[in-house]
PDB file of N, CA and C in Angstrom:
ATOM      1  N   UNK A   1     -17.660 -19.541  -9.457  1.00  0.00           N
ATOM      2  CA  UNK A   1     -16.861 -18.353  -9.254  1.00  0.00           C
ATOM      3  C   UNK A   1     -15.582 -18.477 -10.083  1.00  0.00           C
ATOM      4  N   UNK A   2     -15.149 -17.376 -10.679  1.00  0.00           N
ATOM      5  CA  UNK A   2     -13.958 -17.365 -11.519  1.00  0.00           C
ATOM      6  C   UNK A   2     -12.724 -17.110 -10.672  1.00  0.00           C
ATOM      7  N   UNK A   3     -11.601 -17.733 -11.024  1.00  0.00           N
ATOM      8  CA  UNK A   3     -10.372 -17.472 -10.281  1.00  0.00           C
ATOM      9  C   UNK A   3      -9.891 -16.043 -10.539  1.00  0.00           C
ATOM     10  N   UNK A   4      -9.019 -15.568  -9.694  1.00  0.00           N
ATOM     11  CA  UNK A   4      -8.448 -14.224  -9.852  1.00  0.00           C
ATOM     12  C   UNK A   4      -7.738 -14.137 -11.200  1.00  0.00           C
ATOM     13  N   UNK A   5      -7.749 -12.965 -11.816  1.00  0.00           N
ATOM     14  CA  UNK A   5      -7.096 -12.836 -13.119  1.00  0.00           C
ATOM     15  C   UNK A   5      -5.596 -13.066 -13.024  1.00  0.00           C
ATOM     16  N   UNK A   6      -5.045 -13.674 -14.071  1.00  0.00           N
ATOM     17  CA  UNK A   6      -3.616 -13.929 -14.111  1.00  0.00           C
ATOM     18  C   UNK A   6      -2.953 -12.818 -14.906  1.00  0.00           C
ATOM     19  N   UNK A   7      -2.037 -12.102 -14.279  1.00  0.00           N
ATOM     20  CA  UNK A   7      -1.297 -11.082 -14.999  1.00  0.00           C
ATOM     21  C   UNK A   7       0.127 -11.552 -15.271  1.00  0.00           C
ATOM     22  N   UNK A   8       0.748 -12.218 -14.311  1.00  0.00           N
ATOM     23  CA  UNK A   8       2.073 -12.809 -14.527  1.00  0.00           C
ATOM     24  C   UNK A   8       2.261 -13.947 -13.540  1.00  0.00           C
ATOM     25  N   UNK A   9       2.755 -15.074 -14.028  1.00  0.00           N
ATOM     26  CA  UNK A   9       2.996 -16.250 -13.193  1.00  0.00           C
ATOM     27  C   UNK A   9       4.222 -16.981 -13.683  1.00  0.00           C
ATOM     28  N   UNK A  10       4.737 -17.840 -12.813  1.00  0.00           N
ATOM     29  CA  UNK A  10       5.816 -18.716 -13.219  1.00  0.00           C
ATOM     30  C   UNK A  10       5.227 -20.074 -13.516  1.00  0.00           C
ATOM     31  N   UNK A  11       5.646 -20.654 -14.643  1.00  0.00           N
ATOM     32  CA  UNK A  11       5.193 -21.992 -15.014  1.00  0.00           C
ATOM     33  C   UNK A  11       6.403 -22.872 -15.250  1.00  0.00           C
ATOM     34  N   UNK A  12       6.428 -24.061 -14.695  1.00  0.00           N
ATOM     35  CA  UNK A  12       7.555 -24.956 -14.935  1.00  0.00           C
ATOM     36  C   UNK A  12       7.568 -25.461 -16.367  1.00  0.00           C
ATOM     37  N   UNK A  13       8.672 -25.203 -17.075  1.00  0.00           N
ATOM     38  CA  UNK A  13       8.896 -25.757 -18.409  1.00  0.00           C
ATOM     39  C   UNK A  13       7.760 -25.528 -19.380  1.00  0.00           C
ATOM     40  N   UNK A  14       7.205 -24.326 -19.460  1.00  0.00           N
ATOM     41  CA  UNK A  14       6.024 -24.070 -20.281  1.00  0.00           C
ATOM     42  C   UNK A  14       6.233 -24.427 -21.745  1.00  0.00           C
ATOM     43  N   UNK A  15       7.305 -23.963 -22.350  1.00  0.00           N
ATOM     44  CA  UNK A  15       7.473 -24.246 -23.775  1.00  0.00           C
ATOM     45  C   UNK A  15       8.658 -25.156 -24.063  1.00  0.00           C
ATOM     46  N   UNK A  16       9.586 -25.277 -23.105  1.00  0.00           N
ATOM     47  CA  UNK A  16      10.788 -26.063 -23.381  1.00  0.00           C
ATOM     48  C   UNK A  16      10.584 -27.546 -23.131  1.00  0.00           C
ATOM     49  N   UNK A  17       9.569 -27.904 -22.364  1.00  0.00           N
ATOM     50  CA  UNK A  17       9.366 -29.304 -22.036  1.00  0.00           C
ATOM     51  C   UNK A  17      10.258 -29.783 -20.918  1.00  0.00           C
ATOM     52  N   UNK A  18      11.117 -28.918 -20.398  1.00  0.00           N
ATOM     53  CA  UNK A  18      12.019 -29.267 -19.318  1.00  0.00           C
ATOM     54  C   UNK A  18      11.383 -28.862 -17.996  1.00  0.00           C
ATOM     55  N   UNK A  19      10.966 -29.813 -17.162  1.00  0.00           N
ATOM     56  CA  UNK A  19      10.260 -29.467 -15.934  1.00  0.00           C
ATOM     57  C   UNK A  19      11.103 -28.755 -14.899  1.00  0.00           C
ATOM     58  N   UNK A  20      12.443 -28.713 -15.064  1.00  0.00           N
ATOM     59  CA  UNK A  20      13.277 -28.029 -14.088  1.00  0.00           C
ATOM     60  C   UNK A  20      13.402 -26.544 -14.401  1.00  0.00           C
ATOM     61  N   UNK A  21      13.118 -26.135 -15.613  1.00  0.00           N
ATOM     62  CA  UNK A  21      13.156 -24.720 -15.970  1.00  0.00           C
ATOM     63  C   UNK A  21      11.855 -24.050 -15.556  1.00  0.00           C
ATOM     64  N   UNK A  22      11.956 -22.805 -15.134  1.00  0.00           N
ATOM     65  CA  UNK A  22      10.768 -22.047 -14.792  1.00  0.00           C
ATOM     66  C   UNK A  22      10.700 -20.836 -15.704  1.00  0.00           C
ATOM     67  N   UNK A  23       9.583 -20.677 -16.385  1.00  0.00           N
ATOM     68  CA  UNK A  23       9.386 -19.544 -17.273  1.00  0.00           C
ATOM     69  C   UNK A  23       8.311 -18.652 -16.688  1.00  0.00           C
ATOM     70  N   UNK A  24       8.505 -17.363 -16.831  1.00  0.00           N
ATOM     71  CA  UNK A  24       7.510 -16.410 -16.376  1.00  0.00           C
ATOM     72  C   UNK A  24       6.615 -16.099 -17.568  1.00  0.00           C
ATOM     73  N   UNK A  25       5.332 -16.278 -17.370  1.00  0.00           N
ATOM     74  CA  UNK A  25       4.375 -15.969 -18.420  1.00  0.00           C
ATOM     75  C   UNK A  25       3.424 -14.894 -17.917  1.00  0.00           C
ATOM     76  N   UNK A  26       2.788 -14.209 -18.841  1.00  0.00           N
ATOM     77  CA  UNK A  26       1.855 -13.148 -18.489  1.00  0.00           C
ATOM     78  C   UNK A  26       0.698 -13.159 -19.466  1.00  0.00           C
ATOM     79  N   UNK A  27      -0.407 -12.600 -19.038  1.00  0.00           N
ATOM     80  CA  UNK A  27      -1.494 -12.353 -19.968  1.00  0.00           C
ATOM     81  C   UNK A  27      -1.245 -10.979 -20.599  1.00  0.00           C
ATOM     82  N   UNK A  28      -2.167 -10.536 -21.440  1.00  0.00           N
ATOM     83  CA  UNK A  28      -1.953  -9.267 -22.143  1.00  0.00           C
ATOM     84  C   UNK A  28      -1.817  -8.096 -21.175  1.00  0.00           C
ATOM     85  N   UNK A  29      -2.651  -8.071 -20.143  1.00  0.00           N
ATOM     86  CA  UNK A  29      -2.585  -6.970 -19.184  1.00  0.00           C
ATOM     87  C   UNK A  29      -1.263  -6.977 -18.419  1.00  0.00           C
ATOM     88  N   UNK A  30      -0.800  -8.162 -18.039  1.00  0.00           N
ATOM     89  CA  UNK A  30       0.467  -8.257 -17.330  1.00  0.00           C
ATOM     90  C   UNK A  30       1.634  -7.780 -18.179  1.00  0.00           C
ATOM     91  N   UNK A  31       1.630  -8.142 -19.462  1.00  0.00           N
ATOM     92  CA  UNK A  31       2.708  -7.687 -20.342  1.00  0.00           C
ATOM     93  C   UNK A  31       2.601  -6.184 -20.598  1.00  0.00           C
ATOM     94  N   UNK A  32       1.381  -5.679 -20.709  1.00  0.00           N
ATOM     95  CA  UNK A  32       1.181  -4.236 -20.879  1.00  0.00           C
ATOM     96  C   UNK A  32       1.696  -3.488 -19.655  1.00  0.00           C
ATOM     97  N   UNK A  33       1.412  -3.988 -18.463  1.00  0.00           N
ATOM     98  CA  UNK A  33       1.889  -3.344 -17.238  1.00  0.00           C
ATOM     99  C   UNK A  33       3.411  -3.346 -17.170  1.00  0.00           C
ATOM    100  N   UNK A  34       4.025  -4.436 -17.625  1.00  0.00           N
ATOM    101  CA  UNK A  34       5.485  -4.544 -17.589  1.00  0.00           C
ATOM    102  C   UNK A  34       6.151  -3.435 -18.397  1.00  0.00           C
ATOM    103  N   UNK A  35       5.592  -3.126 -19.552  1.00  0.00           N
ATOM    104  CA  UNK A  35       6.176  -2.126 -20.442  1.00  0.00           C
ATOM    105  C   UNK A  35       5.491  -0.763 -20.351  1.00  0.00           C
ATOM    106  N   UNK A  36       4.497  -0.630 -19.488  1.00  0.00           N
ATOM    107  CA  UNK A  36       3.722   0.611 -19.373  1.00  0.00           C
ATOM    108  C   UNK A  36       3.018   0.940 -20.683  1.00  0.00           C
ATOM    109  N   UNK A  37       2.459  -0.111 -21.307  1.00  0.00           N
ATOM    110  CA  UNK A  37       1.677   0.011 -22.535  1.00  0.00           C
ATOM    111  C   UNK A  37       0.211  -0.169 -22.194  1.00  0.00           C
ATOM    112  N   UNK A  38      -0.642   0.168 -23.151  1.00  0.00           N
ATOM    113  CA  UNK A  38      -2.053  -0.193 -23.025  1.00  0.00           C
ATOM    114  C   UNK A  38      -2.231  -1.621 -23.555  1.00  0.00           C
ATOM    115  N   UNK A  39      -3.324  -2.245 -23.153  1.00  0.00           N
ATOM    116  CA  UNK A  39      -3.629  -3.585 -23.652  1.00  0.00           C
ATOM    117  C   UNK A  39      -3.841  -3.532 -25.161  1.00  0.00           C
ATOM    118  N   UNK A  40      -4.410  -2.444 -25.640  1.00  0.00           N
ATOM    119  CA  UNK A  40      -4.617  -2.297 -27.089  1.00  0.00           C
ATOM    120  C   UNK A  40      -3.285  -2.300 -27.840  1.00  0.00           C
ATOM    121  N   UNK A  41      -2.270  -1.659 -27.262  1.00  0.00           N
ATOM    122  CA  UNK A  41      -0.959  -1.656 -27.907  1.00  0.00           C
ATOM    123  C   UNK A  41      -0.377  -3.071 -27.942  1.00  0.00           C
ATOM    124  N   UNK A  42      -0.586  -3.845 -26.875  1.00  0.00           N
ATOM    125  CA  UNK A  42      -0.134  -5.241 -26.870  1.00  0.00           C
ATOM    126  C   UNK A  42      -0.862  -6.018 -27.962  1.00  0.00           C
ATOM    127  N   UNK A  43      -2.166  -5.764 -28.132  1.00  0.00           N
ATOM    128  CA  UNK A  43      -2.898  -6.399 -29.237  1.00  0.00           C
ATOM    129  C   UNK A  43      -2.258  -6.068 -30.580  1.00  0.00           C
ATOM    130  N   UNK A  44      -1.859  -4.819 -30.761  1.00  0.00           N
ATOM    131  CA  UNK A  44      -1.197  -4.419 -32.008  1.00  0.00           C
ATOM    132  C   UNK A  44       0.146  -5.137 -32.169  1.00  0.00           C
ATOM    133  N   UNK A  45       0.904  -5.276 -31.068  1.00  0.00           N
ATOM    134  CA  UNK A  45       2.174  -6.000 -31.130  1.00  0.00           C
ATOM    135  C   UNK A  45       1.957  -7.469 -31.473  1.00  0.00           C
ATOM    136  N   UNK A  46       0.906  -8.067 -30.922  1.00  0.00           N
ATOM    137  CA  UNK A  46       0.584  -9.457 -31.258  1.00  0.00           C
ATOM    138  C   UNK A  46       0.290  -9.585 -32.746  1.00  0.00           C
ATOM    139  N   UNK A  47      -0.415  -8.624 -33.300  1.00  0.00           N
ATOM    140  CA  UNK A  47      -0.721  -8.651 -34.738  1.00  0.00           C
ATOM    141  C   UNK A  47       0.548  -8.490 -35.575  1.00  0.00           C
ATOM    142  N   UNK A  48       1.575  -7.826 -35.016  1.00  0.00           N
ATOM    143  CA  UNK A  48       2.847  -7.637 -35.724  1.00  0.00           C
ATOM    144  C   UNK A  48       3.789  -8.824 -35.553  1.00  0.00           C
ATOM    145  N   UNK A  49       3.433  -9.783 -34.690  1.00  0.00           N
ATOM    146  CA  UNK A  49       4.255 -10.982 -34.564  1.00  0.00           C
ATOM    147  C   UNK A  49       4.848 -11.226 -33.196  1.00  0.00           C
ATOM    148  N   UNK A  50       4.441 -10.500 -32.162  1.00  0.00           N
ATOM    149  CA  UNK A  50       4.937 -10.754 -30.810  1.00  0.00           C
ATOM    150  C   UNK A  50       4.675 -12.221 -30.460  1.00  0.00           C
ATOM    151  N   UNK A  51       5.706 -12.981 -30.053  1.00  0.00           N
ATOM    152  CA  UNK A  51       5.509 -14.396 -29.741  1.00  0.00           C
ATOM    153  C   UNK A  51       4.537 -14.573 -28.574  1.00  0.00           C
ATOM    154  N   UNK A  52       3.622 -15.518 -28.724  1.00  0.00           N
ATOM    155  CA  UNK A  52       2.632 -15.769 -27.688  1.00  0.00           C
ATOM    156  C   UNK A  52       2.066 -17.174 -27.831  1.00  0.00           C
ATOM    157  N   UNK A  53       1.367 -17.604 -26.811  1.00  0.00           N
ATOM    158  CA  UNK A  53       0.681 -18.892 -26.822  1.00  0.00           C
ATOM    159  C   UNK A  53      -0.805 -18.603 -26.878  1.00  0.00           C
ATOM    160  N   UNK A  54      -1.504 -19.191 -27.816  1.00  0.00           N
ATOM    161  CA  UNK A  54      -2.952 -19.030 -27.933  1.00  0.00           C
ATOM    162  C   UNK A  54      -3.608 -20.243 -27.296  1.00  0.00           C
ATOM    163  N   UNK A  55      -4.439 -20.006 -26.297  1.00  0.00           N
ATOM    164  CA  UNK A  55      -5.102 -21.089 -25.580  1.00  0.00           C
ATOM    165  C   UNK A  55      -6.595 -20.944 -25.831  1.00  0.00           C
ATOM    166  N   UNK A  56      -7.149 -21.846 -26.593  1.00  0.00           N
ATOM    167  CA  UNK A  56      -8.566 -21.743 -26.934  1.00  0.00           C
ATOM    168  C   UNK A  56      -8.803 -20.606 -27.898  1.00  0.00           C
ATOM    169  N   UNK A  57     -10.020 -20.098 -27.886  1.00  0.00           N
ATOM    170  CA  UNK A  57     -10.384 -19.041 -28.826  1.00  0.00           C
ATOM    171  C   UNK A  57      -9.987 -17.649 -28.349  1.00  0.00           C
ATOM    172  N   UNK A  58      -9.875 -17.459 -27.006  1.00  0.00           N
ATOM    173  CA  UNK A  58      -9.692 -16.109 -26.508  1.00  0.00           C
ATOM    174  C   UNK A  58      -8.469 -15.889 -25.641  1.00  0.00           C
ATOM    175  N   UNK A  59      -7.961 -16.908 -25.010  1.00  0.00           N
ATOM    176  CA  UNK A  59      -6.872 -16.719 -24.051  1.00  0.00           C
ATOM    177  C   UNK A  59      -5.529 -16.617 -24.746  1.00  0.00           C
ATOM    178  N   UNK A  60      -4.746 -15.646 -24.321  1.00  0.00           N
ATOM    179  CA  UNK A  60      -3.396 -15.443 -24.843  1.00  0.00           C
ATOM    180  C   UNK A  60      -2.445 -15.392 -23.659  1.00  0.00           C
ATOM    181  N   UNK A  61      -1.368 -16.124 -23.739  1.00  0.00           N
ATOM    182  CA  UNK A  61      -0.325 -16.089 -22.730  1.00  0.00           C
ATOM    183  C   UNK A  61       0.988 -15.753 -23.418  1.00  0.00           C
ATOM    184  N   UNK A  62       1.761 -14.913 -22.768  1.00  0.00           N
ATOM    185  CA  UNK A  62       3.012 -14.416 -23.341  1.00  0.00           C
ATOM    186  C   UNK A  62       4.161 -14.882 -22.459  1.00  0.00           C
ATOM    187  N   UNK A  63       5.122 -15.595 -23.054  1.00  0.00           N
ATOM    188  CA  UNK A  63       6.337 -15.989 -22.340  1.00  0.00           C
ATOM    189  C   UNK A  63       7.241 -14.762 -22.348  1.00  0.00           C
ATOM    190  N   UNK A  64       7.474 -14.214 -21.162  1.00  0.00           N
ATOM    191  CA  UNK A  64       8.135 -12.909 -21.046  1.00  0.00           C
ATOM    192  C   UNK A  64       9.510 -12.896 -21.712  1.00  0.00           C
ATOM    193  N   UNK A  65      10.334 -13.911 -21.494  1.00  0.00           N
ATOM    194  CA  UNK A  65      11.683 -13.922 -22.061  1.00  0.00           C
ATOM    195  C   UNK A  65      11.641 -13.899 -23.588  1.00  0.00           C
ATOM    196  N   UNK A  66      10.743 -14.682 -24.191  1.00  0.00           N
ATOM    197  CA  UNK A  66      10.633 -14.714 -25.656  1.00  0.00           C
ATOM    198  C   UNK A  66      10.125 -13.370 -26.191  1.00  0.00           C
ATOM    199  N   UNK A  67       9.121 -12.819 -25.535  1.00  0.00           N
ATOM    200  CA  UNK A  67       8.549 -11.561 -26.006  1.00  0.00           C
ATOM    201  C   UNK A  67       9.533 -10.408 -25.830  1.00  0.00           C
ATOM    202  N   UNK A  68      10.265 -10.381 -24.707  1.00  0.00           N
ATOM    203  CA  UNK A  68      11.258  -9.320 -24.501  1.00  0.00           C
ATOM    204  C   UNK A  68      12.372  -9.398 -25.536  1.00  0.00           C
ATOM    205  N   UNK A  69      12.801 -10.619 -25.879  1.00  0.00           N
ATOM    206  CA  UNK A  69      13.831 -10.782 -26.914  1.00  0.00           C
ATOM    207  C   UNK A  69      13.315 -10.260 -28.251  1.00  0.00           C
ATOM    208  N   UNK A  70      12.044 -10.549 -28.565  1.00  0.00           N
ATOM    209  CA  UNK A  70      11.443 -10.061 -29.807  1.00  0.00           C
ATOM    210  C   UNK A  70      11.387  -8.537 -29.798  1.00  0.00           C
ATOM    211  N   UNK A  71      11.020  -7.947 -28.663  1.00  0.00           N
ATOM    212  CA  UNK A  71      10.952  -6.485 -28.562  1.00  0.00           C
ATOM    213  C   UNK A  71      12.336  -5.866 -28.779  1.00  0.00           C
ATOM    214  N   UNK A  72      13.374  -6.450 -28.156  1.00  0.00           N
ATOM    215  CA  UNK A  72      14.730  -5.917 -28.336  1.00  0.00           C
ATOM    216  C   UNK A  72      15.176  -6.039 -29.787  1.00  0.00           C
ATOM    217  N   UNK A  73      14.886  -7.189 -30.413  1.00  0.00           N
ATOM    218  CA  UNK A  73      15.285  -7.409 -31.799  1.00  0.00           C
ATOM    219  C   UNK A  73      14.544  -6.459 -32.737  1.00  0.00           C
ATOM    220  N   UNK A  74      13.263  -6.293 -32.498  1.00  0.00           N
ATOM    221  CA  UNK A  74      12.434  -5.502 -33.398  1.00  0.00           C
ATOM    222  C   UNK A  74      12.645  -3.999 -33.227  1.00  0.00           C
ATOM    223  N   UNK A  75      12.723  -3.556 -31.978  1.00  0.00           N
ATOM    224  CA  UNK A  75      12.767  -2.118 -31.720  1.00  0.00           C
ATOM    225  C   UNK A  75      14.093  -1.640 -31.161  1.00  0.00           C
ATOM    226  N   UNK A  76      14.893  -2.540 -30.615  1.00  0.00           N
ATOM    227  CA  UNK A  76      16.157  -2.133 -30.016  1.00  0.00           C
ATOM    228  C   UNK A  76      15.905  -1.223 -28.834  1.00  0.00           C
ATOM    229  N   UNK A  77      16.955  -0.632 -28.339  1.00  0.00           N
ATOM    230  CA  UNK A  77      16.812   0.332 -27.269  1.00  0.00           C
ATOM    231  C   UNK A  77      17.583   1.571 -27.654  1.00  0.00           C
ATOM    232  N   UNK A  78      17.087   2.688 -27.205  1.00  0.00           N
ATOM    233  CA  UNK A  78      17.772   3.949 -27.455  1.00  0.00           C
ATOM    234  C   UNK A  78      17.924   4.667 -26.133  1.00  0.00           C
ATOM    235  N   UNK A  79      19.130   5.085 -25.844  1.00  0.00           N
ATOM    236  CA  UNK A  79      19.380   5.850 -24.632  1.00  0.00           C
ATOM    237  C   UNK A  79      19.524   7.308 -25.037  1.00  0.00           C
ATOM    238  N   UNK A  80      18.837   8.154 -24.328  1.00  0.00           N
ATOM    239  CA  UNK A  80      18.961   9.589 -24.548  1.00  0.00           C
ATOM    240  C   UNK A  80      19.766  10.160 -23.401  1.00  0.00           C
ATOM    241  N   UNK A  81      20.804  10.900 -23.731  1.00  0.00           N
ATOM    242  CA  UNK A  81      21.675  11.430 -22.690  1.00  0.00           C
ATOM    243  C   UNK A  81      22.910  10.565 -22.556  1.00  0.00           C
ATOM    244  N   UNK A  82      23.759  10.896 -21.599  1.00  0.00           N
ATOM    245  CA  UNK A  82      24.997  10.125 -21.431  1.00  0.00           C
ATOM    246  C   UNK A  82      24.702   8.703 -20.967  1.00  0.00           C
ATOM    247  N   UNK A  83      25.514   7.761 -21.468  1.00  0.00           N
ATOM    248  CA  UNK A  83      25.296   6.359 -21.123  1.00  0.00           C
ATOM    249  C   UNK A  83      25.822   6.027 -19.738  1.00  0.00           C
ATOM    250  N   UNK A  84      26.802   6.760 -19.261  1.00  0.00           N
ATOM    251  CA  UNK A  84      27.359   6.545 -17.928  1.00  0.00           C
ATOM    252  C   UNK A  84      27.558   7.902 -17.267  1.00  0.00           C
ATOM    253  N   UNK A  85      27.597   7.863 -15.955  1.00  0.00           N
ATOM    254  CA  UNK A  85      27.933   9.103 -15.256  1.00  0.00           C
ATOM    255  C   UNK A  85      29.379   9.451 -15.575  1.00  0.00           C
ATOM    256  N   UNK A  86      29.629  10.698 -15.789  1.00  0.00           N
ATOM    257  CA  UNK A  86      30.988  11.149 -16.065  1.00  0.00           C
ATOM    258  C   UNK A  86      31.813  11.066 -14.779  1.00  0.00           C
ATOM    259  N   UNK A  87      33.040  10.571 -14.856  1.00  0.00           N
ATOM    260  CA  UNK A  87      33.863  10.507 -13.649  1.00  0.00           C
ATOM    261  C   UNK A  87      34.161  11.913 -13.143  1.00  0.00           C
ATOM    262  N   UNK A  88      34.159  12.050 -11.833  1.00  0.00           N
ATOM    263  CA  UNK A  88      34.444  13.356 -11.254  1.00  0.00           C
ATOM    264  C   UNK A  88      35.917  13.674 -11.415  1.00  0.00           C
ATOM    265  N   UNK A  89      36.201  14.915 -11.655  1.00  0.00           N
ATOM    266  CA  UNK A  89      37.574  15.384 -11.769  1.00  0.00           C
ATOM    267  C   UNK A  89      38.064  15.660 -10.357  1.00  0.00           C
ATOM    268  N   UNK A  90      39.093  14.983  -9.884  1.00  0.00           N
ATOM    269  CA  UNK A  90      39.563  15.199  -8.510  1.00  0.00           C
ATOM    270  C   UNK A  90      40.041  16.623  -8.273  1.00  0.00           C
ATOM    271  N   UNK A  91      40.398  17.358  -9.321  1.00  0.00           N
ATOM    272  CA  UNK A  91      40.859  18.750  -9.155  1.00  0.00           C
ATOM    273  C   UNK A  91      39.703  19.665  -8.774  1.00  0.00           C
ATOM    274  N   UNK A  92      38.441  19.229  -9.042  1.00  0.00           N
ATOM    275  CA  UNK A  92      37.282  20.058  -8.748  1.00  0.00           C
ATOM    276  C   UNK A  92      36.722  19.823  -7.346  1.00  0.00           C
ATOM    277  N   UNK A  93      37.323  18.929  -6.563  1.00  0.00           N
ATOM    278  CA  UNK A  93      36.816  18.562  -5.248  1.00  0.00           C
ATOM    279  C   UNK A  93      36.672  19.749  -4.321  1.00  0.00           C
ATOM    280  N   UNK A  94      37.678  20.578  -4.191  1.00  0.00           N
ATOM    281  CA  UNK A  94      37.646  21.648  -3.207  1.00  0.00           C
ATOM    282  C   UNK A  94      37.215  23.005  -3.762  1.00  0.00           C
ATOM    283  N   UNK A  95      36.684  23.069  -4.987  1.00  0.00           N
ATOM    284  CA  UNK A  95      36.365  24.360  -5.598  1.00  0.00           C
ATOM    285  C   UNK A  95      34.889  24.603  -5.687  1.00  0.00           C
ATOM    286  N   UNK A  96      34.137  24.296  -4.670  1.00  0.00           N
ATOM    287  CA  UNK A  96      32.691  24.493  -4.742  1.00  0.00           C
ATOM    288  C   UNK A  96      32.237  25.666  -3.951  1.00  0.00           C
TER     289      UNK A  96
END
């Protein structure tokens, strides 16, 4: 019987070699769920250079912190609309 699929787990010191650090890793589906992407899109990101660990011929594991940093560096973030709520004008309090 096969174990349950791994979508995201914590592994002690996965890439740093430091057993006191805990890194969160995910498989392709787990990383796709995190960003609301399809698994196919994650495959495309891997082909573009998304950092990952290749285990054997078919298994891929993604260290979330490394991959998120790559996503921010590569694509950045864009906010649409105001970045903060506008402060209320105290003069408008009683005029509703």
